[in-house]
């Protein structure tokens, strides 16, 4: 009960057999009380360019979730941050952090997992950050995520307003778009 429904006691609900002698509140060392670090990677993969394989992770964030305080912190890692790339069996070399995932894919078995493992290694070796889970999004995945939550509200400052311009999310089908200054509700495409 405490593991599946934190902060709730379902043992008192009708039809639930009390298991208090078997299941108890997690102690301080329980995995359910441990901070969770989620690596969020956004890749610059373009759908019409087969020559970009694998793509770089141009968005890198670590969301750190504390189940005790019920708070989350997000660390955004600048894509051009110069770090040591630590490939297994090789001397570390310097490069931008956004190349770590692609390097891991190429040096490994070509899988997304090989890239994520390389980036996890570099974050651990360079910054002492342990990663528990990861998620990878490309342009389409980000569009879909924003659409799935019903869009997002953005307050566009005057400096970032975009006059009527052509934009394409697939490098083929361009649409006229415009972003006026002020509060806007945007779908995934926009």
N, C-alpha and C. Protein backbone atom coordinates (compact mmCIF):
# COMPACT_ATOMS: atom_id res chain seq x y z
N UNK A 1 0.80 -1.21 0.00
CA UNK A 1 0.00 0.00 0.00
C UNK A 1 0.84 1.26 0.00
N UNK A 2 1.79 1.43 0.94
CA UNK A 2 2.57 2.68 0.92
C UNK A 2 3.42 2.82 -0.33
N UNK A 3 3.84 1.73 -0.90
CA UNK A 3 4.68 1.81 -2.09
C UNK A 3 3.87 2.17 -3.31
N UNK A 4 2.68 1.63 -3.43
CA UNK A 4 1.85 1.88 -4.60
C UNK A 4 1.05 3.16 -4.50
N UNK A 5 0.67 3.53 -3.29
CA UNK A 5 -0.17 4.70 -3.09
C UNK A 5 0.42 5.56 -1.97
N UNK A 6 1.51 6.28 -2.23
CA UNK A 6 2.17 7.05 -1.17
C UNK A 6 1.20 8.04 -0.52
N UNK A 7 1.23 8.07 0.80
CA UNK A 7 0.41 9.02 1.54
C UNK A 7 -1.04 8.59 1.69
N UNK A 8 -1.41 7.44 1.19
CA UNK A 8 -2.79 6.96 1.27
C UNK A 8 -2.81 5.64 2.03
N UNK A 9 -3.86 5.39 2.76
CA UNK A 9 -4.02 4.13 3.44
C UNK A 9 -5.20 3.40 2.83
N UNK A 10 -4.93 2.48 1.91
CA UNK A 10 -6.01 1.76 1.25
C UNK A 10 -6.44 0.54 2.05
N UNK A 11 -5.75 0.26 3.16
CA UNK A 11 -6.09 -0.91 3.96
C UNK A 11 -7.44 -0.77 4.64
N UNK A 12 -7.94 0.44 4.76
CA UNK A 12 -9.21 0.66 5.44
C UNK A 12 -10.39 0.70 4.48
N UNK A 13 -10.15 0.51 3.19
CA UNK A 13 -11.23 0.55 2.21
C UNK A 13 -12.00 -0.77 2.21
N UNK A 14 -13.33 -0.73 1.93
CA UNK A 14 -14.11 -1.98 1.87
C UNK A 14 -13.55 -2.91 0.81
N UNK A 15 -13.50 -4.18 1.11
CA UNK A 15 -13.03 -5.19 0.16
C UNK A 15 -11.54 -5.39 0.16
N UNK A 16 -10.80 -4.60 0.92
CA UNK A 16 -9.34 -4.74 0.99
C UNK A 16 -9.01 -5.55 2.25
N UNK A 17 -8.29 -6.63 2.09
CA UNK A 17 -7.88 -7.44 3.23
C UNK A 17 -6.64 -6.82 3.86
N UNK A 18 -6.69 -6.52 5.15
CA UNK A 18 -5.51 -5.92 5.79
C UNK A 18 -4.29 -6.84 5.70
N UNK A 19 -3.20 -6.29 5.25
CA UNK A 19 -1.94 -7.04 5.15
C UNK A 19 -0.87 -6.38 6.03
N UNK A 20 -1.32 -5.73 7.09
CA UNK A 20 -0.39 -4.95 7.90
C UNK A 20 0.74 -5.80 8.47
N UNK A 21 0.49 -7.08 8.66
CA UNK A 21 1.57 -7.91 9.18
C UNK A 21 2.61 -8.23 8.10
N UNK A 22 2.23 -8.03 6.81
CA UNK A 22 3.15 -8.33 5.71
C UNK A 22 3.75 -7.06 5.13
N UNK A 23 2.92 -6.04 4.90
CA UNK A 23 3.36 -4.80 4.26
C UNK A 23 3.33 -3.68 5.28
N UNK A 24 4.42 -2.97 5.40
CA UNK A 24 4.46 -1.85 6.34
C UNK A 24 4.98 -0.61 5.62
N UNK A 25 4.94 0.51 6.31
CA UNK A 25 5.48 1.74 5.74
C UNK A 25 6.95 1.52 5.42
N UNK A 26 7.44 2.07 4.29
CA UNK A 26 8.86 1.89 3.97
C UNK A 26 9.74 2.60 5.00
N UNK A 27 10.85 1.95 5.35
CA UNK A 27 11.77 2.58 6.29
C UNK A 27 12.65 3.59 5.55
N UNK A 28 13.50 4.25 6.26
CA UNK A 28 14.31 5.32 5.68
C UNK A 28 15.22 4.83 4.55
N UNK A 29 15.63 3.56 4.60
CA UNK A 29 16.52 3.03 3.57
C UNK A 29 15.78 2.43 2.38
N UNK A 30 14.46 2.46 2.41
CA UNK A 30 13.66 1.84 1.35
C UNK A 30 13.87 2.54 0.01
N UNK A 31 13.78 1.76 -1.06
CA UNK A 31 13.90 2.31 -2.41
C UNK A 31 12.80 3.34 -2.68
N UNK A 32 11.69 3.25 -1.96
CA UNK A 32 10.59 4.18 -2.16
C UNK A 32 10.85 5.54 -1.51
N UNK A 33 11.91 5.65 -0.74
CA UNK A 33 12.28 6.93 -0.14
C UNK A 33 13.50 7.54 -0.79
N UNK A 34 14.02 6.89 -1.82
CA UNK A 34 15.25 7.33 -2.48
C UNK A 34 14.94 8.33 -3.59
N UNK A 35 15.79 9.34 -3.67
CA UNK A 35 15.68 10.33 -4.75
C UNK A 35 15.82 9.63 -6.10
N UNK A 36 15.05 10.08 -7.09
CA UNK A 36 15.07 9.50 -8.43
C UNK A 36 15.57 10.57 -9.39
N UNK A 37 16.56 10.23 -10.21
CA UNK A 37 17.07 11.14 -11.22
C UNK A 37 16.66 10.64 -12.60
N UNK A 38 15.92 11.49 -13.31
CA UNK A 38 15.42 11.17 -14.64
C UNK A 38 16.16 12.04 -15.66
N UNK A 39 16.85 11.39 -16.60
CA UNK A 39 17.55 12.10 -17.67
C UNK A 39 16.59 12.32 -18.82
N UNK A 40 16.43 13.56 -19.24
CA UNK A 40 15.55 13.91 -20.36
C UNK A 40 16.44 14.36 -21.50
N UNK A 41 16.33 13.64 -22.63
CA UNK A 41 17.17 13.94 -23.79
C UNK A 41 16.28 14.30 -24.97
N UNK A 42 16.58 15.42 -25.61
CA UNK A 42 15.89 15.81 -26.84
C UNK A 42 16.89 15.80 -27.97
N UNK A 43 16.62 15.02 -29.03
CA UNK A 43 17.58 14.90 -30.13
C UNK A 43 17.17 15.78 -31.31
N UNK A 44 18.17 16.21 -32.07
CA UNK A 44 17.95 17.09 -33.22
C UNK A 44 17.74 16.32 -34.51
N UNK A 45 17.15 15.15 -34.40
CA UNK A 45 16.90 14.29 -35.55
C UNK A 45 15.87 14.93 -36.48
N UNK A 46 16.23 15.01 -37.74
CA UNK A 46 15.33 15.56 -38.76
C UNK A 46 14.76 14.40 -39.58
N UNK A 47 13.47 14.39 -39.86
CA UNK A 47 12.86 13.23 -40.51
C UNK A 47 13.30 13.00 -41.95
N UNK A 48 13.80 14.03 -42.63
CA UNK A 48 14.10 13.86 -44.05
C UNK A 48 15.60 13.78 -44.35
N UNK A 49 16.44 13.74 -43.33
CA UNK A 49 17.87 13.69 -43.56
C UNK A 49 18.45 12.40 -43.01
N UNK A 50 18.56 11.35 -43.85
CA UNK A 50 19.08 10.08 -43.36
C UNK A 50 20.57 10.11 -43.03
N UNK A 51 21.25 11.20 -43.37
CA UNK A 51 22.69 11.29 -43.11
C UNK A 51 22.99 11.66 -41.66
N UNK A 52 21.99 12.14 -40.94
CA UNK A 52 22.21 12.48 -39.53
C UNK A 52 21.87 11.25 -38.71
N UNK A 53 22.83 10.39 -38.51
CA UNK A 53 22.58 9.19 -37.73
C UNK A 53 23.84 8.83 -36.99
N UNK A 54 23.85 8.79 -35.73
CA UNK A 54 22.78 9.26 -34.86
C UNK A 54 22.87 10.77 -34.63
N UNK A 55 21.79 11.33 -34.17
CA UNK A 55 21.71 12.78 -33.94
C UNK A 55 22.28 13.13 -32.56
N UNK A 56 22.54 14.41 -32.35
CA UNK A 56 23.02 14.88 -31.06
C UNK A 56 21.85 15.17 -30.12
N UNK A 57 22.15 15.15 -28.83
CA UNK A 57 21.14 15.51 -27.83
C UNK A 57 21.28 17.00 -27.54
N UNK A 58 20.46 17.79 -28.22
CA UNK A 58 20.57 19.24 -28.06
C UNK A 58 19.78 19.77 -26.88
N UNK A 59 18.98 18.94 -26.27
CA UNK A 59 18.34 19.28 -25.00
C UNK A 59 18.73 18.20 -24.01
N UNK A 60 19.30 18.61 -22.90
CA UNK A 60 19.68 17.69 -21.83
C UNK A 60 19.23 18.28 -20.50
N UNK A 61 18.42 17.53 -19.78
CA UNK A 61 17.97 17.95 -18.46
C UNK A 61 17.96 16.75 -17.53
N UNK A 62 18.21 17.00 -16.26
CA UNK A 62 18.07 15.98 -15.23
C UNK A 62 16.98 16.47 -14.28
N UNK A 63 15.88 15.70 -14.21
CA UNK A 63 14.81 15.99 -13.25
C UNK A 63 15.08 15.11 -12.04
N UNK A 64 15.25 15.72 -10.88
CA UNK A 64 15.54 15.00 -9.65
C UNK A 64 14.30 15.07 -8.76
N UNK A 65 13.74 13.90 -8.46
CA UNK A 65 12.47 13.82 -7.75
C UNK A 65 12.72 13.27 -6.35
N UNK A 66 12.27 14.02 -5.33
CA UNK A 66 12.43 13.60 -3.94
C UNK A 66 11.07 13.15 -3.42
N UNK A 67 10.86 11.83 -3.22
CA UNK A 67 9.55 11.36 -2.78
C UNK A 67 9.21 11.74 -1.34
N UNK A 68 10.20 12.07 -0.54
CA UNK A 68 9.93 12.45 0.85
C UNK A 68 9.36 13.86 0.91
N UNK A 69 10.04 14.82 0.30
CA UNK A 69 9.57 16.21 0.33
C UNK A 69 8.52 16.48 -0.74
N UNK A 70 8.37 15.53 -1.67
CA UNK A 70 7.44 15.68 -2.79
C UNK A 70 7.78 16.91 -3.63
N UNK A 71 9.09 17.12 -3.82
CA UNK A 71 9.57 18.22 -4.64
C UNK A 71 10.43 17.68 -5.78
N UNK A 72 10.48 18.47 -6.85
CA UNK A 72 11.29 18.10 -7.99
C UNK A 72 12.15 19.30 -8.38
N UNK A 73 13.39 19.03 -8.75
CA UNK A 73 14.29 20.05 -9.26
C UNK A 73 14.71 19.63 -10.66
N UNK A 74 14.92 20.62 -11.53
CA UNK A 74 15.35 20.32 -12.89
C UNK A 74 16.65 21.07 -13.16
N UNK A 75 17.64 20.33 -13.62
CA UNK A 75 18.92 20.91 -14.00
C UNK A 75 19.01 20.84 -15.52
N UNK A 76 19.14 21.98 -16.17
CA UNK A 76 19.32 22.03 -17.61
C UNK A 76 20.82 22.10 -17.89
N UNK A 77 21.29 21.18 -18.73
CA UNK A 77 22.72 21.10 -19.02
C UNK A 77 22.96 21.73 -20.39
N UNK A 78 23.77 22.79 -20.46
CA UNK A 78 24.02 23.45 -21.75
C UNK A 78 24.61 22.46 -22.76
N UNK A 79 24.06 22.43 -23.95
CA UNK A 79 24.47 21.44 -24.95
C UNK A 79 25.93 21.58 -25.37
N UNK A 80 26.49 22.77 -25.28
CA UNK A 80 27.88 22.99 -25.70
C UNK A 80 28.87 22.91 -24.55
N UNK A 81 28.43 22.41 -23.40
CA UNK A 81 29.32 22.26 -22.26
C UNK A 81 30.45 21.29 -22.62
N UNK A 82 31.69 21.70 -22.40
CA UNK A 82 32.87 20.92 -22.74
C UNK A 82 33.14 19.94 -21.60
N UNK A 83 33.14 18.63 -21.90
CA UNK A 83 33.30 17.60 -20.88
C UNK A 83 34.26 16.51 -21.36
N UNK A 84 34.57 15.58 -20.48
CA UNK A 84 35.29 14.37 -20.86
C UNK A 84 34.28 13.34 -21.36
N UNK A 85 34.53 12.78 -22.53
CA UNK A 85 33.74 11.66 -23.04
C UNK A 85 34.52 10.41 -22.64
N UNK A 86 33.88 9.54 -21.88
CA UNK A 86 34.55 8.40 -21.26
C UNK A 86 34.10 7.09 -21.89
N UNK A 87 34.62 6.78 -23.08
CA UNK A 87 34.28 5.53 -23.75
C UNK A 87 34.99 4.37 -23.07
N UNK A 88 34.32 3.23 -22.91
CA UNK A 88 34.95 2.07 -22.27
C UNK A 88 36.21 1.63 -23.03
N UNK A 89 37.27 1.39 -22.28
CA UNK A 89 38.50 0.89 -22.87
C UNK A 89 39.33 1.93 -23.61
N UNK A 90 38.93 3.21 -23.54
CA UNK A 90 39.67 4.26 -24.23
C UNK A 90 40.00 5.38 -23.25
N UNK A 91 40.98 6.19 -23.62
CA UNK A 91 41.30 7.37 -22.83
C UNK A 91 40.17 8.39 -23.00
N UNK A 92 39.77 9.05 -21.92
CA UNK A 92 38.76 10.11 -22.06
C UNK A 92 39.29 11.21 -22.99
N UNK A 93 38.38 11.81 -23.72
CA UNK A 93 38.74 12.93 -24.58
C UNK A 93 37.69 14.02 -24.42
N UNK A 94 38.06 15.25 -24.77
CA UNK A 94 37.17 16.40 -24.59
C UNK A 94 36.26 16.57 -25.81
N UNK A 95 34.99 16.87 -25.53
CA UNK A 95 34.02 17.20 -26.57
C UNK A 95 32.81 17.82 -25.89
N UNK A 96 31.88 18.27 -26.70
CA UNK A 96 30.64 18.84 -26.14
C UNK A 96 29.77 17.72 -25.58
N UNK A 97 29.04 18.01 -24.49
CA UNK A 97 28.18 17.01 -23.85
C UNK A 97 27.10 16.50 -24.81
N UNK A 98 26.68 17.33 -25.77
CA UNK A 98 25.60 16.88 -26.66
C UNK A 98 26.05 15.81 -27.66
N UNK A 99 27.34 15.50 -27.71
CA UNK A 99 27.83 14.44 -28.59
C UNK A 99 27.90 13.09 -27.89
N UNK A 100 27.76 13.07 -26.57
CA UNK A 100 27.94 11.86 -25.79
C UNK A 100 26.98 10.75 -26.22
N UNK A 101 25.71 11.06 -26.38
CA UNK A 101 24.71 10.05 -26.75
C UNK A 101 25.03 9.44 -28.11
N UNK A 102 25.29 10.29 -29.11
CA UNK A 102 25.61 9.80 -30.45
C UNK A 102 26.89 8.97 -30.44
N UNK A 103 27.89 9.39 -29.66
CA UNK A 103 29.14 8.64 -29.55
C UNK A 103 28.89 7.26 -28.97
N UNK A 104 28.05 7.19 -27.94
CA UNK A 104 27.72 5.91 -27.33
C UNK A 104 27.00 4.98 -28.28
N UNK A 105 26.10 5.54 -29.09
CA UNK A 105 25.40 4.71 -30.09
C UNK A 105 26.39 4.14 -31.09
N UNK A 106 27.28 5.01 -31.60
CA UNK A 106 28.24 4.57 -32.61
C UNK A 106 29.25 3.57 -32.05
N UNK A 107 29.72 3.78 -30.82
CA UNK A 107 30.71 2.89 -30.22
C UNK A 107 30.07 1.60 -29.71
N UNK A 108 28.78 1.67 -29.41
CA UNK A 108 28.08 0.49 -28.89
C UNK A 108 27.44 -0.31 -30.01
N UNK A 109 26.26 -0.82 -29.74
CA UNK A 109 25.58 -1.67 -30.71
C UNK A 109 24.62 -0.89 -31.62
N UNK A 110 24.71 0.43 -31.59
CA UNK A 110 23.85 1.25 -32.44
C UNK A 110 22.47 1.50 -31.87
N UNK A 111 22.22 1.04 -30.64
CA UNK A 111 20.90 1.19 -30.03
C UNK A 111 20.79 2.50 -29.25
N UNK A 112 19.56 2.91 -29.06
CA UNK A 112 19.26 4.08 -28.23
C UNK A 112 19.80 3.84 -26.82
N UNK A 113 19.66 2.62 -26.33
CA UNK A 113 20.12 2.28 -24.99
C UNK A 113 21.64 2.46 -24.85
N UNK A 114 22.40 2.10 -25.89
CA UNK A 114 23.86 2.28 -25.85
C UNK A 114 24.21 3.77 -25.73
N UNK A 115 23.47 4.61 -26.44
CA UNK A 115 23.70 6.05 -26.33
C UNK A 115 23.36 6.59 -24.96
N UNK A 116 22.23 6.13 -24.41
CA UNK A 116 21.82 6.58 -23.07
C UNK A 116 22.81 6.13 -22.01
N UNK A 117 23.30 4.91 -22.13
CA UNK A 117 24.29 4.41 -21.16
C UNK A 117 25.57 5.24 -21.20
N UNK A 118 26.00 5.65 -22.41
CA UNK A 118 27.20 6.48 -22.53
C UNK A 118 26.98 7.83 -21.85
N UNK A 119 25.84 8.43 -22.10
CA UNK A 119 25.54 9.73 -21.49
C UNK A 119 25.44 9.60 -19.97
N UNK A 120 24.83 8.51 -19.49
CA UNK A 120 24.79 8.26 -18.04
C UNK A 120 26.20 8.17 -17.47
N UNK A 121 27.09 7.46 -18.16
CA UNK A 121 28.49 7.32 -17.71
C UNK A 121 29.17 8.68 -17.65
N UNK A 122 28.99 9.49 -18.69
CA UNK A 122 29.65 10.80 -18.72
C UNK A 122 29.11 11.73 -17.64
N UNK A 123 27.80 11.69 -17.38
CA UNK A 123 27.23 12.52 -16.32
C UNK A 123 27.76 12.07 -14.95
N UNK A 124 27.90 10.78 -14.76
CA UNK A 124 28.42 10.25 -13.50
C UNK A 124 29.90 10.61 -13.33
N UNK A 125 30.71 10.36 -14.37
CA UNK A 125 32.14 10.61 -14.27
C UNK A 125 32.49 12.09 -14.20
N UNK A 126 31.76 12.91 -14.95
CA UNK A 126 32.09 14.34 -15.01
C UNK A 126 31.45 15.17 -13.90
N UNK A 127 30.26 14.75 -13.41
CA UNK A 127 29.52 15.59 -12.45
C UNK A 127 29.06 14.85 -11.21
N UNK A 128 29.24 13.52 -11.16
CA UNK A 128 28.79 12.75 -10.00
C UNK A 128 27.28 12.56 -9.96
N UNK A 129 26.61 12.70 -11.09
CA UNK A 129 25.15 12.55 -11.15
C UNK A 129 24.82 11.12 -11.55
N UNK A 130 24.11 10.41 -10.69
CA UNK A 130 23.63 9.06 -11.01
C UNK A 130 22.27 9.17 -11.68
N UNK A 131 22.08 8.46 -12.77
CA UNK A 131 20.81 8.47 -13.50
C UNK A 131 20.09 7.15 -13.24
N UNK A 132 18.80 7.25 -12.88
CA UNK A 132 17.99 6.06 -12.63
C UNK A 132 17.19 5.66 -13.87
N UNK A 133 16.64 6.64 -14.55
CA UNK A 133 15.80 6.40 -15.72
C UNK A 133 16.09 7.48 -16.76
N UNK A 134 15.70 7.22 -18.00
CA UNK A 134 15.89 8.23 -19.04
C UNK A 134 14.72 8.19 -20.00
N UNK A 135 14.52 9.31 -20.68
CA UNK A 135 13.52 9.42 -21.73
C UNK A 135 14.15 10.18 -22.88
N UNK A 136 13.84 9.75 -24.10
CA UNK A 136 14.39 10.37 -25.30
C UNK A 136 13.25 10.85 -26.17
N UNK A 137 13.30 12.11 -26.58
CA UNK A 137 12.28 12.69 -27.44
C UNK A 137 12.92 13.30 -28.67
N UNK A 138 12.27 13.13 -29.83
CA UNK A 138 12.67 13.86 -31.02
C UNK A 138 11.61 14.94 -31.26
N UNK A 139 11.69 15.63 -32.40
CA UNK A 139 10.74 16.71 -32.67
C UNK A 139 9.30 16.20 -32.65
N UNK A 140 9.03 15.08 -33.32
CA UNK A 140 7.67 14.52 -33.38
C UNK A 140 7.18 14.11 -31.99
N UNK A 141 8.05 13.49 -31.22
CA UNK A 141 7.67 13.07 -29.87
C UNK A 141 7.31 14.25 -28.99
N UNK A 142 8.07 15.34 -29.12
CA UNK A 142 7.78 16.54 -28.35
C UNK A 142 6.45 17.14 -28.77
N UNK A 143 6.20 17.22 -30.08
CA UNK A 143 4.90 17.70 -30.57
C UNK A 143 3.77 16.88 -29.99
N UNK A 144 3.91 15.56 -30.03
CA UNK A 144 2.86 14.66 -29.55
C UNK A 144 2.64 14.83 -28.05
N UNK A 145 3.73 14.95 -27.28
CA UNK A 145 3.62 15.14 -25.84
C UNK A 145 2.83 16.40 -25.53
N UNK A 146 3.16 17.50 -26.20
CA UNK A 146 2.45 18.76 -25.95
C UNK A 146 0.98 18.64 -26.35
N UNK A 147 0.70 17.99 -27.48
CA UNK A 147 -0.69 17.78 -27.90
C UNK A 147 -1.43 16.91 -26.89
N UNK A 148 -0.77 15.88 -26.37
CA UNK A 148 -1.41 14.95 -25.42
C UNK A 148 -1.83 15.64 -24.12
N UNK A 149 -1.10 16.69 -23.72
CA UNK A 149 -1.48 17.40 -22.49
C UNK A 149 -2.37 18.61 -22.78
N UNK A 150 -2.80 18.74 -24.04
CA UNK A 150 -3.73 19.81 -24.39
C UNK A 150 -3.08 21.13 -24.74
N UNK A 151 -1.78 21.12 -25.06
CA UNK A 151 -1.08 22.35 -25.41
C UNK A 151 -0.43 22.98 -24.19
N UNK A 152 0.31 24.06 -24.44
CA UNK A 152 0.97 24.78 -23.35
C UNK A 152 0.74 26.27 -23.51
N UNK A 153 0.76 26.97 -22.38
CA UNK A 153 0.65 28.43 -22.40
C UNK A 153 2.05 29.02 -22.35
N UNK A 154 2.32 29.96 -23.25
CA UNK A 154 3.62 30.61 -23.33
C UNK A 154 3.40 32.11 -23.36
N UNK A 155 4.18 32.83 -22.58
CA UNK A 155 4.15 34.29 -22.62
C UNK A 155 5.34 34.74 -23.47
N UNK A 156 5.06 35.18 -24.69
CA UNK A 156 6.11 35.53 -25.64
C UNK A 156 6.51 36.99 -25.45
N UNK A 157 7.77 37.24 -25.07
CA UNK A 157 8.22 38.62 -24.92
C UNK A 157 8.35 39.29 -26.30
N UNK A 158 8.32 40.60 -26.30
CA UNK A 158 8.43 41.35 -27.56
C UNK A 158 9.66 40.94 -28.36
N UNK A 159 10.78 40.70 -27.68
CA UNK A 159 12.03 40.36 -28.36
C UNK A 159 11.97 39.03 -29.10
N UNK A 160 11.08 38.14 -28.67
CA UNK A 160 11.01 36.81 -29.29
C UNK A 160 9.79 36.62 -30.18
N UNK A 161 9.05 37.68 -30.42
CA UNK A 161 7.91 37.59 -31.33
C UNK A 161 8.40 37.25 -32.73
N UNK A 162 7.60 36.47 -33.48
CA UNK A 162 7.98 36.04 -34.82
C UNK A 162 6.94 36.57 -35.80
N UNK A 163 7.37 37.38 -36.77
CA UNK A 163 6.41 37.86 -37.78
C UNK A 163 5.98 36.71 -38.68
N UNK A 164 4.99 36.92 -39.50
CA UNK A 164 4.49 35.90 -40.41
C UNK A 164 5.65 35.32 -41.21
N UNK A 165 5.90 34.01 -41.02
CA UNK A 165 7.05 33.33 -41.63
C UNK A 165 6.66 31.91 -41.98
N UNK A 166 7.42 31.32 -42.90
CA UNK A 166 7.22 29.91 -43.22
C UNK A 166 8.01 29.05 -42.23
N UNK A 167 7.40 27.95 -41.81
CA UNK A 167 8.05 26.99 -40.92
C UNK A 167 7.62 25.59 -41.33
N UNK A 168 8.55 24.65 -41.20
CA UNK A 168 8.25 23.26 -41.50
C UNK A 168 8.79 22.40 -40.37
N UNK A 169 7.98 21.46 -39.87
CA UNK A 169 8.47 20.54 -38.86
C UNK A 169 8.96 19.24 -39.48
N UNK A 170 8.86 19.13 -40.81
CA UNK A 170 9.34 17.93 -41.48
C UNK A 170 10.27 18.24 -42.66
N UNK A 171 10.64 19.49 -42.82
CA UNK A 171 11.53 19.95 -43.89
C UNK A 171 10.93 19.80 -45.29
N UNK A 172 9.63 19.52 -45.37
CA UNK A 172 8.97 19.36 -46.67
C UNK A 172 7.75 20.27 -46.78
N UNK A 173 6.86 20.17 -45.79
CA UNK A 173 5.57 20.88 -45.83
C UNK A 173 5.64 22.13 -44.97
N UNK A 174 5.89 23.27 -45.59
CA UNK A 174 6.00 24.53 -44.85
C UNK A 174 4.62 25.16 -44.66
N UNK A 175 4.43 25.80 -43.51
CA UNK A 175 3.19 26.51 -43.20
C UNK A 175 3.56 27.92 -42.76
N UNK A 176 2.65 28.84 -43.00
CA UNK A 176 2.83 30.19 -42.49
C UNK A 176 2.48 30.20 -41.01
N UNK A 177 3.38 30.72 -40.19
CA UNK A 177 3.11 30.85 -38.76
C UNK A 177 3.48 32.25 -38.30
N UNK A 178 2.95 32.61 -37.15
CA UNK A 178 3.24 33.91 -36.56
C UNK A 178 3.09 33.78 -35.06
N UNK A 179 4.02 34.39 -34.31
CA UNK A 179 3.94 34.40 -32.86
C UNK A 179 3.95 35.85 -32.40
N UNK A 180 2.78 36.33 -32.02
CA UNK A 180 2.67 37.70 -31.53
C UNK A 180 3.15 37.76 -30.09
N UNK A 181 3.58 38.93 -29.65
CA UNK A 181 3.97 39.06 -28.25
C UNK A 181 2.75 38.86 -27.35
N UNK A 182 3.00 38.38 -26.14
CA UNK A 182 1.92 38.19 -25.18
C UNK A 182 1.64 36.72 -24.95
N UNK A 183 0.61 36.48 -24.16
CA UNK A 183 0.25 35.12 -23.76
C UNK A 183 -0.41 34.38 -24.93
N UNK A 184 0.10 33.16 -25.21
CA UNK A 184 -0.42 32.34 -26.30
C UNK A 184 -0.65 30.91 -25.78
N UNK A 185 -1.67 30.25 -26.30
CA UNK A 185 -1.85 28.83 -26.04
C UNK A 185 -1.42 28.09 -27.30
N UNK A 186 -0.37 27.28 -27.21
CA UNK A 186 0.23 26.65 -28.37
C UNK A 186 0.04 25.13 -28.37
N UNK A 187 -0.21 24.60 -29.55
CA UNK A 187 -0.23 23.14 -29.72
C UNK A 187 1.20 22.67 -29.99
N UNK A 188 1.38 21.35 -30.17
CA UNK A 188 2.72 20.78 -30.34
C UNK A 188 3.44 21.29 -31.57
N UNK A 189 2.73 21.46 -32.67
CA UNK A 189 3.36 21.95 -33.89
C UNK A 189 3.96 23.33 -33.68
N UNK A 190 3.21 24.19 -33.02
CA UNK A 190 3.67 25.56 -32.83
C UNK A 190 4.64 25.68 -31.65
